[in-house]
Amino acid sequence: MAVTRAKTLSSMAIAAAVLGLVAFGLMFLYGNASFAPAGPSDGQAPTADVDGGLTRAAPLVGFPVVIPTGVPDDWHPNSFSFTAAPGSTEAPAAVRAGWLTEQGRFLTAVQSSGALEDVQQAELGDVGPATGKVDVGGVTWTEVPGRRSEVAWVRTAGDVTYLITGSASPEDFQKLAAALAAGTPATS
């Protein structure tokens, strides 16, 4: 009986190993895994059509969307997403555009029709207390805790809530805040 049990366990181990090899082979085949014995390489960051995304999303979100003007040329646009109207308090209608700065840090600008607290909750996971105020070109932003060890800047203008978050420097936050203030309305 002990010999039979050992053979069964051995057969199960072999079958699990074969199944694992097949699974890993399929992952490599379909590009979901790679092998880099020297560690990860500096690959090309994804590129997003931020201006085009903002323009296409504008009629779907139900609020006036601004295309930032004057974003530094050496920033790499790498993400765009949106949540269509009518949205909810958990996920209010919003557009999100992201860039990698020249230092390899990231910034995301969020524009939403949601209430300030709802946007903070949806985008940051929490509504943190204000930690300061920042004036950029006569526009006051409130600094709040972001995700992880990041900060976020928030403000409202009319029915639109703006939020900037990321790992970039305060100077880069100011550049993006100024680009939003100088922005042009997206038209479809």
N, C-alpha and C. Protein backbone atom coordinates (compact mmCIF):
# COMPACT_ATOMS: atom_id res chain seq x y z
N MET A 1 0.81 -1.19 0.00
CA MET A 1 0.00 0.00 0.00
C MET A 1 0.86 1.25 0.00
N ALA A 2 1.96 1.26 0.76
CA ALA A 2 2.85 2.42 0.81
C ALA A 2 3.52 2.63 -0.54
N VAL A 3 3.84 1.53 -1.23
CA VAL A 3 4.47 1.64 -2.54
C VAL A 3 3.49 2.24 -3.55
N THR A 4 2.25 1.83 -3.49
CA THR A 4 1.23 2.35 -4.39
C THR A 4 1.01 3.85 -4.15
N ARG A 5 0.97 4.24 -2.87
CA ARG A 5 0.79 5.65 -2.54
C ARG A 5 1.97 6.47 -3.05
N ALA A 6 3.19 5.98 -2.89
CA ALA A 6 4.38 6.68 -3.37
C ALA A 6 4.34 6.82 -4.89
N LYS A 7 3.93 5.78 -5.60
CA LYS A 7 3.83 5.84 -7.05
C LYS A 7 2.78 6.87 -7.47
N THR A 8 1.66 6.92 -6.76
CA THR A 8 0.60 7.87 -7.06
C THR A 8 1.10 9.30 -6.86
N LEU A 9 1.77 9.54 -5.74
CA LEU A 9 2.31 10.88 -5.47
C LEU A 9 3.36 11.25 -6.51
N SER A 10 4.19 10.31 -6.91
CA SER A 10 5.21 10.56 -7.92
C SER A 10 4.57 10.89 -9.26
N SER A 11 3.52 10.15 -9.61
CA SER A 11 2.82 10.41 -10.87
C SER A 11 2.16 11.78 -10.84
N MET A 12 1.59 12.16 -9.70
CA MET A 12 0.95 13.47 -9.58
C MET A 12 1.99 14.59 -9.70
N ALA A 13 3.15 14.40 -9.11
CA ALA A 13 4.21 15.41 -9.19
C ALA A 13 4.68 15.57 -10.63
N ILE A 14 4.84 14.48 -11.33
CA ILE A 14 5.27 14.54 -12.73
C ILE A 14 4.20 15.24 -13.57
N ALA A 15 2.93 14.90 -13.35
CA ALA A 15 1.85 15.52 -14.11
C ALA A 15 1.80 17.03 -13.82
N ALA A 16 1.97 17.44 -12.56
CA ALA A 16 1.97 18.86 -12.22
C ALA A 16 3.14 19.59 -12.87
N ALA A 17 4.31 18.95 -12.90
CA ALA A 17 5.48 19.56 -13.52
C ALA A 17 5.25 19.75 -15.02
N VAL A 18 4.69 18.74 -15.68
CA VAL A 18 4.42 18.83 -17.12
C VAL A 18 3.39 19.93 -17.38
N LEU A 19 2.34 19.98 -16.58
CA LEU A 19 1.33 21.00 -16.73
C LEU A 19 1.93 22.40 -16.52
N GLY A 20 2.81 22.55 -15.54
CA GLY A 20 3.48 23.83 -15.30
C GLY A 20 4.35 24.24 -16.49
N LEU A 21 5.09 23.30 -17.05
CA LEU A 21 5.92 23.60 -18.22
C LEU A 21 5.07 24.03 -19.42
N VAL A 22 3.94 23.36 -19.61
CA VAL A 22 3.04 23.74 -20.71
C VAL A 22 2.51 25.15 -20.48
N ALA A 23 2.10 25.46 -19.24
CA ALA A 23 1.58 26.80 -18.93
C ALA A 23 2.64 27.86 -19.17
N PHE A 24 3.87 27.64 -18.68
CA PHE A 24 4.93 28.62 -18.91
C PHE A 24 5.26 28.75 -20.39
N GLY A 25 5.23 27.64 -21.12
CA GLY A 25 5.48 27.70 -22.56
C GLY A 25 4.44 28.55 -23.28
N LEU A 26 3.18 28.40 -22.88
CA LEU A 26 2.13 29.22 -23.49
C LEU A 26 2.29 30.69 -23.12
N MET A 27 2.69 30.97 -21.89
CA MET A 27 2.92 32.36 -21.49
C MET A 27 4.02 33.00 -22.34
N PHE A 28 5.12 32.29 -22.57
CA PHE A 28 6.20 32.82 -23.41
C PHE A 28 5.72 32.98 -24.85
N LEU A 29 4.97 32.01 -25.32
CA LEU A 29 4.49 32.03 -26.70
C LEU A 29 3.59 33.23 -26.97
N TYR A 30 2.74 33.57 -26.02
CA TYR A 30 1.80 34.68 -26.21
C TYR A 30 2.30 36.00 -25.64
N GLY A 31 3.56 36.08 -25.26
CA GLY A 31 4.16 37.35 -24.86
C GLY A 31 3.84 37.82 -23.46
N ASN A 32 3.29 36.96 -22.62
CA ASN A 32 2.97 37.35 -21.26
C ASN A 32 4.10 37.10 -20.28
N ALA A 33 5.20 36.57 -20.78
CA ALA A 33 6.37 36.34 -19.92
C ALA A 33 7.61 36.45 -20.79
N SER A 34 8.70 36.77 -20.16
CA SER A 34 9.97 36.83 -20.88
C SER A 34 11.07 36.37 -19.94
N PHE A 35 12.21 36.03 -20.51
CA PHE A 35 13.34 35.57 -19.73
C PHE A 35 14.49 36.55 -19.94
N ALA A 36 14.94 37.17 -18.86
CA ALA A 36 16.04 38.14 -18.93
C ALA A 36 17.00 37.87 -17.78
N PRO A 37 17.95 36.96 -17.98
CA PRO A 37 18.85 36.58 -16.88
C PRO A 37 19.69 37.75 -16.35
N ALA A 38 19.89 38.79 -17.15
CA ALA A 38 20.69 39.95 -16.70
C ALA A 38 19.82 40.99 -16.02
N GLY A 39 18.52 40.70 -15.85
CA GLY A 39 17.61 41.66 -15.23
C GLY A 39 16.82 42.39 -16.28
N PRO A 40 15.88 43.21 -15.85
CA PRO A 40 15.04 43.92 -16.81
C PRO A 40 15.84 44.95 -17.58
N SER A 41 15.43 45.16 -18.81
CA SER A 41 16.10 46.16 -19.64
C SER A 41 15.24 47.42 -19.68
N ASP A 42 15.84 48.51 -20.05
CA ASP A 42 15.10 49.75 -20.22
C ASP A 42 14.40 49.67 -21.57
N GLY A 43 13.15 49.32 -21.53
CA GLY A 43 12.37 49.19 -22.75
C GLY A 43 11.73 50.51 -23.11
N GLN A 44 11.09 50.51 -24.24
CA GLN A 44 10.39 51.69 -24.71
C GLN A 44 9.09 51.83 -23.94
N ALA A 45 8.83 53.00 -23.41
CA ALA A 45 7.57 53.26 -22.71
C ALA A 45 6.44 53.31 -23.72
N PRO A 46 5.26 52.86 -23.32
CA PRO A 46 4.14 52.97 -24.26
C PRO A 46 3.84 54.42 -24.60
N THR A 47 3.27 54.63 -25.75
CA THR A 47 2.92 55.98 -26.19
C THR A 47 1.41 56.07 -26.33
N ALA A 48 0.85 57.17 -25.84
CA ALA A 48 -0.60 57.39 -25.93
C ALA A 48 -0.86 58.69 -26.68
N ASP A 49 -1.95 58.72 -27.40
CA ASP A 49 -2.38 59.93 -28.09
C ASP A 49 -3.28 60.70 -27.12
N VAL A 50 -2.65 61.45 -26.22
CA VAL A 50 -3.37 62.17 -25.18
C VAL A 50 -4.34 63.18 -25.78
N ASP A 51 -3.86 64.04 -26.68
CA ASP A 51 -4.73 65.06 -27.27
C ASP A 51 -5.90 64.42 -28.01
N GLY A 52 -5.63 63.39 -28.80
CA GLY A 52 -6.69 62.70 -29.53
C GLY A 52 -7.66 62.02 -28.58
N GLY A 53 -7.14 61.41 -27.53
CA GLY A 53 -8.00 60.76 -26.55
C GLY A 53 -8.92 61.74 -25.85
N LEU A 54 -8.37 62.89 -25.45
CA LEU A 54 -9.19 63.92 -24.81
C LEU A 54 -10.27 64.42 -25.76
N THR A 55 -9.91 64.61 -27.01
CA THR A 55 -10.88 65.08 -28.01
C THR A 55 -11.99 64.05 -28.23
N ARG A 56 -11.62 62.78 -28.37
CA ARG A 56 -12.63 61.74 -28.61
C ARG A 56 -13.50 61.49 -27.38
N ALA A 57 -12.95 61.65 -26.19
CA ALA A 57 -13.71 61.39 -24.97
C ALA A 57 -14.64 62.54 -24.60
N ALA A 58 -14.34 63.74 -25.04
CA ALA A 58 -15.11 64.93 -24.63
C ALA A 58 -16.62 64.76 -24.78
N PRO A 59 -17.14 64.29 -25.92
CA PRO A 59 -18.60 64.18 -26.02
C PRO A 59 -19.18 63.03 -25.19
N LEU A 60 -18.34 62.16 -24.69
CA LEU A 60 -18.83 60.98 -23.96
C LEU A 60 -18.88 61.17 -22.45
N VAL A 61 -18.18 62.19 -21.94
CA VAL A 61 -18.08 62.33 -20.48
C VAL A 61 -19.05 63.33 -19.90
N GLY A 62 -19.62 64.21 -20.70
CA GLY A 62 -20.65 65.10 -20.22
C GLY A 62 -20.18 66.35 -19.50
N PHE A 63 -18.95 66.75 -19.67
CA PHE A 63 -18.44 68.00 -19.10
C PHE A 63 -17.37 68.55 -20.03
N PRO A 64 -17.05 69.84 -19.93
CA PRO A 64 -16.04 70.42 -20.83
C PRO A 64 -14.64 69.91 -20.50
N VAL A 65 -14.02 69.29 -21.47
CA VAL A 65 -12.67 68.73 -21.31
C VAL A 65 -11.66 69.72 -21.88
N VAL A 66 -10.55 69.88 -21.16
CA VAL A 66 -9.48 70.79 -21.58
C VAL A 66 -8.27 69.98 -22.06
N ILE A 67 -7.73 70.39 -23.21
CA ILE A 67 -6.47 69.80 -23.69
C ILE A 67 -5.35 70.70 -23.18
N PRO A 68 -4.47 70.17 -22.32
CA PRO A 68 -3.39 71.01 -21.78
C PRO A 68 -2.54 71.60 -22.89
N THR A 69 -2.18 72.87 -22.73
CA THR A 69 -1.36 73.58 -23.71
C THR A 69 -0.04 73.95 -23.07
N GLY A 70 1.05 73.62 -23.75
CA GLY A 70 2.37 73.96 -23.23
C GLY A 70 3.02 72.87 -22.40
N VAL A 71 2.57 71.63 -22.55
CA VAL A 71 3.24 70.51 -21.89
C VAL A 71 4.64 70.42 -22.49
N PRO A 72 5.68 70.31 -21.65
CA PRO A 72 7.05 70.27 -22.20
C PRO A 72 7.22 69.21 -23.29
N ASP A 73 7.96 69.58 -24.33
CA ASP A 73 8.19 68.68 -25.46
C ASP A 73 8.93 67.41 -25.07
N ASP A 74 9.72 67.46 -23.99
CA ASP A 74 10.48 66.27 -23.61
C ASP A 74 9.71 65.35 -22.67
N TRP A 75 8.45 65.65 -22.42
CA TRP A 75 7.60 64.73 -21.68
C TRP A 75 7.01 63.73 -22.67
N HIS A 76 6.94 62.48 -22.27
CA HIS A 76 6.45 61.41 -23.14
C HIS A 76 5.01 61.06 -22.76
N PRO A 77 4.03 61.32 -23.64
CA PRO A 77 2.64 60.96 -23.32
C PRO A 77 2.51 59.44 -23.32
N ASN A 78 2.17 58.86 -22.16
CA ASN A 78 2.19 57.40 -22.09
C ASN A 78 0.89 56.75 -21.63
N SER A 79 -0.14 57.54 -21.27
CA SER A 79 -1.39 56.89 -20.89
C SER A 79 -2.58 57.81 -21.09
N PHE A 80 -3.70 57.18 -21.38
CA PHE A 80 -4.97 57.89 -21.49
C PHE A 80 -6.08 56.91 -21.17
N SER A 81 -7.07 57.35 -20.39
CA SER A 81 -8.27 56.55 -20.14
C SER A 81 -9.41 57.48 -19.77
N PHE A 82 -10.63 56.94 -19.81
CA PHE A 82 -11.76 57.76 -19.39
C PHE A 82 -12.87 56.87 -18.86
N THR A 83 -13.70 57.46 -18.02
CA THR A 83 -14.92 56.85 -17.51
C THR A 83 -16.07 57.69 -18.05
N ALA A 84 -16.94 57.08 -18.84
CA ALA A 84 -18.02 57.83 -19.50
C ALA A 84 -19.11 58.24 -18.52
N ALA A 85 -19.85 59.25 -18.91
CA ALA A 85 -20.99 59.72 -18.14
C ALA A 85 -22.08 58.65 -18.22
N PRO A 86 -22.95 58.52 -17.27
CA PRO A 86 -23.12 59.40 -16.14
C PRO A 86 -22.17 59.09 -14.98
N GLY A 87 -21.50 57.97 -14.98
CA GLY A 87 -20.60 57.66 -13.89
C GLY A 87 -21.37 57.42 -12.60
N SER A 88 -20.65 57.40 -11.49
CA SER A 88 -21.26 57.19 -10.17
C SER A 88 -20.36 57.86 -9.15
N THR A 89 -20.75 57.83 -7.89
CA THR A 89 -19.87 58.41 -6.88
C THR A 89 -18.61 57.56 -6.72
N GLU A 90 -18.71 56.26 -7.01
CA GLU A 90 -17.52 55.39 -6.93
C GLU A 90 -16.58 55.62 -8.10
N ALA A 91 -17.13 55.95 -9.25
CA ALA A 91 -16.33 56.20 -10.46
C ALA A 91 -17.01 57.28 -11.28
N PRO A 92 -16.86 58.55 -10.86
CA PRO A 92 -17.51 59.62 -11.62
C PRO A 92 -16.89 59.74 -13.02
N ALA A 93 -17.67 60.32 -13.94
CA ALA A 93 -17.16 60.54 -15.29
C ALA A 93 -15.84 61.30 -15.19
N ALA A 94 -14.83 60.82 -15.92
CA ALA A 94 -13.49 61.42 -15.82
C ALA A 94 -12.66 61.08 -17.04
N VAL A 95 -11.69 61.94 -17.33
CA VAL A 95 -10.65 61.65 -18.31
C VAL A 95 -9.32 61.71 -17.58
N ARG A 96 -8.39 60.83 -17.97
CA ARG A 96 -7.08 60.75 -17.33
C ARG A 96 -6.01 60.73 -18.42
N ALA A 97 -5.06 61.64 -18.30
CA ALA A 97 -3.95 61.71 -19.27
C ALA A 97 -2.64 61.66 -18.48
N GLY A 98 -1.69 60.87 -18.96
CA GLY A 98 -0.44 60.71 -18.22
C GLY A 98 0.79 60.92 -19.09
N TRP A 99 1.85 61.39 -18.44
CA TRP A 99 3.13 61.65 -19.10
C TRP A 99 4.27 61.14 -18.24
N LEU A 100 5.36 60.77 -18.90
CA LEU A 100 6.64 60.53 -18.24
C LEU A 100 7.48 61.78 -18.45
N THR A 101 8.04 62.30 -17.37
CA THR A 101 8.87 63.50 -17.48
C THR A 101 10.26 63.12 -17.96
N GLU A 102 11.07 64.14 -18.23
CA GLU A 102 12.44 63.88 -18.70
C GLU A 102 13.27 63.13 -17.67
N GLN A 103 12.89 63.17 -16.38
CA GLN A 103 13.60 62.43 -15.33
C GLN A 103 13.05 61.01 -15.17
N GLY A 104 12.08 60.62 -16.00
CA GLY A 104 11.50 59.29 -15.90
C GLY A 104 10.44 59.18 -14.82
N ARG A 105 9.98 60.29 -14.29
CA ARG A 105 8.90 60.30 -13.31
C ARG A 105 7.58 60.44 -14.06
N PHE A 106 6.47 60.16 -13.38
CA PHE A 106 5.20 60.26 -14.08
C PHE A 106 4.28 61.28 -13.44
N LEU A 107 3.38 61.78 -14.27
CA LEU A 107 2.32 62.71 -13.85
C LEU A 107 1.03 62.29 -14.55
N THR A 108 -0.06 62.39 -13.83
CA THR A 108 -1.37 62.13 -14.41
C THR A 108 -2.27 63.31 -14.11
N ALA A 109 -2.95 63.79 -15.13
CA ALA A 109 -3.95 64.85 -14.97
C ALA A 109 -5.33 64.22 -15.13
N VAL A 110 -6.18 64.45 -14.13
CA VAL A 110 -7.54 63.93 -14.16
C VAL A 110 -8.49 65.12 -14.23
N GLN A 111 -9.48 65.02 -15.10
CA GLN A 111 -10.56 66.01 -15.18
C GLN A 111 -11.85 65.24 -15.01
N SER A 112 -12.74 65.75 -14.13
CA SER A 112 -13.95 64.99 -13.82
C SER A 112 -15.12 65.92 -13.51
N SER A 113 -16.31 65.40 -13.70
CA SER A 113 -17.52 66.13 -13.31
C SER A 113 -17.95 65.75 -11.90
N GLY A 114 -17.24 64.84 -11.26
CA GLY A 114 -17.59 64.42 -9.92
C GLY A 114 -17.24 65.46 -8.87
N ALA A 115 -17.88 65.34 -7.71
CA ALA A 115 -17.56 66.20 -6.58
C ALA A 115 -16.12 65.94 -6.15
N LEU A 116 -15.48 66.95 -5.60
CA LEU A 116 -14.07 66.86 -5.22
C LEU A 116 -13.78 65.61 -4.39
N GLU A 117 -14.57 65.35 -3.37
CA GLU A 117 -14.34 64.19 -2.50
C GLU A 117 -14.51 62.88 -3.27
N ASP A 118 -15.50 62.82 -4.16
CA ASP A 118 -15.72 61.61 -4.95
C ASP A 118 -14.56 61.35 -5.90
N VAL A 119 -14.03 62.40 -6.50
CA VAL A 119 -12.89 62.25 -7.41
C VAL A 119 -11.66 61.79 -6.63
N GLN A 120 -11.41 62.40 -5.48
CA GLN A 120 -10.28 61.96 -4.66
C GLN A 120 -10.43 60.49 -4.28
N GLN A 121 -11.61 60.10 -3.85
CA GLN A 121 -11.84 58.71 -3.46
C GLN A 121 -11.61 57.77 -4.64
N ALA A 122 -12.16 58.11 -5.80
CA ALA A 122 -12.05 57.25 -6.97
C ALA A 122 -10.62 57.17 -7.49
N GLU A 123 -9.90 58.29 -7.51
CA GLU A 123 -8.57 58.32 -8.13
C GLU A 123 -7.44 58.02 -7.15
N LEU A 124 -7.64 58.36 -5.87
CA LEU A 124 -6.55 58.20 -4.90
C LEU A 124 -6.82 57.11 -3.88
N GLY A 125 -8.07 56.65 -3.82
CA GLY A 125 -8.41 55.61 -2.86
C GLY A 125 -8.77 56.14 -1.49
N ASP A 126 -8.62 57.43 -1.27
CA ASP A 126 -8.90 58.01 0.04
C ASP A 126 -9.07 59.52 -0.12
N VAL A 127 -9.77 60.11 0.80
CA VAL A 127 -9.92 61.56 0.83
C VAL A 127 -9.06 62.04 1.98
N GLY A 128 -7.83 62.45 1.65
CA GLY A 128 -6.90 62.91 2.68
C GLY A 128 -7.07 64.38 2.98
N PRO A 129 -6.60 64.78 4.16
CA PRO A 129 -6.69 66.20 4.52
C PRO A 129 -5.70 67.04 3.71
N ALA A 130 -6.05 68.30 3.53
CA ALA A 130 -5.15 69.21 2.81
C ALA A 130 -3.83 69.32 3.57
N THR A 131 -2.73 69.31 2.82
CA THR A 131 -1.41 69.46 3.44
C THR A 131 -0.75 70.77 3.04
N GLY A 132 -1.42 71.53 2.18
CA GLY A 132 -0.88 72.82 1.77
C GLY A 132 -1.62 73.37 0.58
N LYS A 133 -1.25 74.58 0.20
CA LYS A 133 -1.81 75.26 -0.97
C LYS A 133 -0.67 75.66 -1.87
N VAL A 134 -0.92 75.64 -3.17
CA VAL A 134 0.09 76.02 -4.16
C VAL A 134 -0.59 76.96 -5.15
N ASP A 135 0.05 78.09 -5.43
CA ASP A 135 -0.47 79.04 -6.40
C ASP A 135 0.35 78.91 -7.69
N VAL A 136 -0.35 78.65 -8.78
CA VAL A 136 0.31 78.55 -10.08
C VAL A 136 -0.41 79.51 -11.02
N GLY A 137 0.24 80.61 -11.35
CA GLY A 137 -0.33 81.58 -12.28
C GLY A 137 -1.66 82.15 -11.82
N GLY A 138 -1.81 82.36 -10.54
CA GLY A 138 -3.05 82.92 -10.02
C GLY A 138 -4.14 81.89 -9.75
N VAL A 139 -3.86 80.62 -9.98
CA VAL A 139 -4.81 79.54 -9.71
C VAL A 139 -4.31 78.78 -8.49
N THR A 140 -5.18 78.62 -7.50
CA THR A 140 -4.79 77.94 -6.26
C THR A 140 -5.17 76.46 -6.32
N TRP A 141 -4.19 75.62 -6.05
CA TRP A 141 -4.37 74.18 -5.97
C TRP A 141 -4.19 73.77 -4.51
N THR A 142 -4.93 72.78 -4.07
CA THR A 142 -4.79 72.23 -2.72
C THR A 142 -3.99 70.94 -2.82
N GLU A 143 -2.96 70.83 -2.01
CA GLU A 143 -2.14 69.62 -1.98
C GLU A 143 -2.74 68.65 -0.97
N VAL A 144 -2.89 67.39 -1.40
CA VAL A 144 -3.42 66.33 -0.55
C VAL A 144 -2.55 65.09 -0.72
N PRO A 145 -2.64 64.14 0.22
CA PRO A 145 -1.86 62.90 0.05
C PRO A 145 -2.37 62.11 -1.15
N GLY A 146 -1.44 61.53 -1.90
CA GLY A 146 -1.79 60.68 -3.03
C GLY A 146 -1.65 59.22 -2.65
N ARG A 147 -1.56 58.38 -3.64
CA ARG A 147 -1.30 56.95 -3.38
C ARG A 147 0.16 56.77 -3.02
N ARG A 148 0.44 55.69 -2.32
CA ARG A 148 1.81 55.36 -1.90
C ARG A 148 2.41 56.60 -1.23
N SER A 149 3.57 57.03 -1.63
CA SER A 149 4.20 58.21 -1.03
C SER A 149 4.09 59.43 -1.94
N GLU A 150 3.14 59.40 -2.85
CA GLU A 150 2.97 60.50 -3.80
C GLU A 150 2.11 61.61 -3.19
N VAL A 151 2.10 62.73 -3.87
CA VAL A 151 1.19 63.82 -3.50
C VAL A 151 0.21 64.01 -4.65
N ALA A 152 -0.83 64.76 -4.37
CA ALA A 152 -1.80 65.11 -5.41
C ALA A 152 -2.20 66.55 -5.21
N TRP A 153 -2.51 67.21 -6.31
CA TRP A 153 -3.03 68.57 -6.27
C TRP A 153 -4.45 68.51 -6.80
N VAL A 154 -5.36 69.23 -6.14
CA VAL A 154 -6.76 69.24 -6.57
C VAL A 154 -7.30 70.66 -6.59
N ARG A 155 -8.28 70.89 -7.46
CA ARG A 155 -9.00 72.16 -7.49
C ARG A 155 -10.27 71.95 -8.29
N THR A 156 -11.22 72.84 -8.08
CA THR A 156 -12.44 72.82 -8.88
C THR A 156 -12.55 74.14 -9.62
N ALA A 157 -13.15 74.09 -10.79
CA ALA A 157 -13.44 75.28 -11.59
C ALA A 157 -14.80 75.04 -12.22
N GLY A 158 -15.81 75.76 -11.73
CA GLY A 158 -17.16 75.52 -12.21
C GLY A 158 -17.59 74.14 -11.79
N ASP A 159 -18.04 73.34 -12.75
CA ASP A 159 -18.51 71.99 -12.47
C ASP A 159 -17.44 70.92 -12.70
N VAL A 160 -16.18 71.34 -12.92
CA VAL A 160 -15.11 70.39 -13.23
C VAL A 160 -14.12 70.35 -12.08
N THR A 161 -13.75 69.14 -11.70
CA THR A 161 -12.71 68.91 -10.70
C THR A 161 -11.45 68.49 -11.43
N TYR A 162 -10.34 69.12 -11.08
CA TYR A 162 -9.04 68.79 -11.65
C TYR A 162 -8.18 68.16 -10.57
N LEU A 163 -7.43 67.14 -10.94
CA LEU A 163 -6.52 66.48 -10.01
C LEU A 163 -5.24 66.15 -10.76
N ILE A 164 -4.11 66.45 -10.14
CA ILE A 164 -2.80 66.07 -10.69
C ILE A 164 -2.15 65.18 -9.66
N THR A 165 -1.63 64.05 -10.08
CA THR A 165 -0.93 63.16 -9.16
C THR A 165 0.26 62.54 -9.87
N GLY A 166 1.17 61.99 -9.10
CA GLY A 166 2.32 61.34 -9.69
C GLY A 166 3.54 61.40 -8.80
N SER A 167 4.64 60.97 -9.37
CA SER A 167 5.91 60.91 -8.65
C SER A 167 6.88 62.01 -9.07
N ALA A 168 6.43 62.92 -9.92
CA ALA A 168 7.29 63.97 -10.47
C ALA A 168 7.60 65.04 -9.42
N SER A 169 8.49 65.93 -9.78
CA SER A 169 8.92 67.02 -8.89
C SER A 169 7.83 68.07 -8.78
N PRO A 170 7.86 68.89 -7.72
CA PRO A 170 6.91 70.00 -7.60
C PRO A 170 6.96 70.95 -8.81
N GLU A 171 8.15 71.14 -9.38
CA GLU A 171 8.28 72.00 -10.56
C GLU A 171 7.50 71.42 -11.74
N ASP A 172 7.53 70.08 -11.89
CA ASP A 172 6.78 69.46 -12.98
C ASP A 172 5.27 69.52 -12.70
N PHE A 173 4.87 69.40 -11.44
CA PHE A 173 3.45 69.59 -11.10
C PHE A 173 3.02 70.99 -11.54
N GLN A 174 3.87 71.99 -11.27
CA GLN A 174 3.54 73.36 -11.65
C GLN A 174 3.42 73.51 -13.17
N LYS A 175 4.31 72.86 -13.90
CA LYS A 175 4.24 72.92 -15.37
C LYS A 175 2.92 72.34 -15.88
N LEU A 176 2.50 71.20 -15.30
CA LEU A 176 1.25 70.59 -15.75
C LEU A 176 0.04 71.43 -15.32
N ALA A 177 0.09 72.01 -14.12
CA ALA A 177 -0.99 72.89 -13.66
C ALA A 177 -1.12 74.10 -14.60
N ALA A 178 0.01 74.67 -15.00
CA ALA A 178 -0.02 75.82 -15.92
C ALA A 178 -0.54 75.39 -17.29
N ALA A 179 -0.17 74.19 -17.75
CA ALA A 179 -0.64 73.70 -19.05
C ALA A 179 -2.16 73.47 -19.04
N LEU A 180 -2.69 73.01 -17.90
CA LEU A 180 -4.14 72.84 -17.79
C LEU A 180 -4.84 74.20 -17.80
N ALA A 181 -4.27 75.18 -17.06
CA ALA A 181 -4.87 76.51 -17.00
C ALA A 181 -4.86 77.18 -18.37
N ALA A 182 -3.82 76.93 -19.16
CA ALA A 182 -3.70 77.54 -20.49
C ALA A 182 -4.37 76.70 -21.56
N GLY A 183 -4.96 75.58 -21.16
CA GLY A 183 -5.50 74.61 -22.10
C GLY A 183 -6.64 75.14 -22.97
N THR A 184 -6.90 74.38 -24.01
CA THR A 184 -7.97 74.72 -24.94
C THR A 184 -9.08 73.67 -24.83
N PRO A 185 -10.32 74.09 -25.02
CA PRO A 185 -11.42 73.13 -24.94
C PRO A 185 -11.31 72.07 -26.04
N ALA A 186 -11.55 70.83 -25.66
CA ALA A 186 -11.57 69.75 -26.64
C ALA A 186 -12.87 69.82 -27.42
N THR A 187 -12.77 69.74 -28.71
CA THR A 187 -13.96 69.75 -29.55
C THR A 187 -13.91 68.55 -30.46
N SER A 188 -15.05 67.94 -30.66
CA SER A 188 -15.07 66.72 -31.50
C SER A 188 -15.42 67.05 -32.93
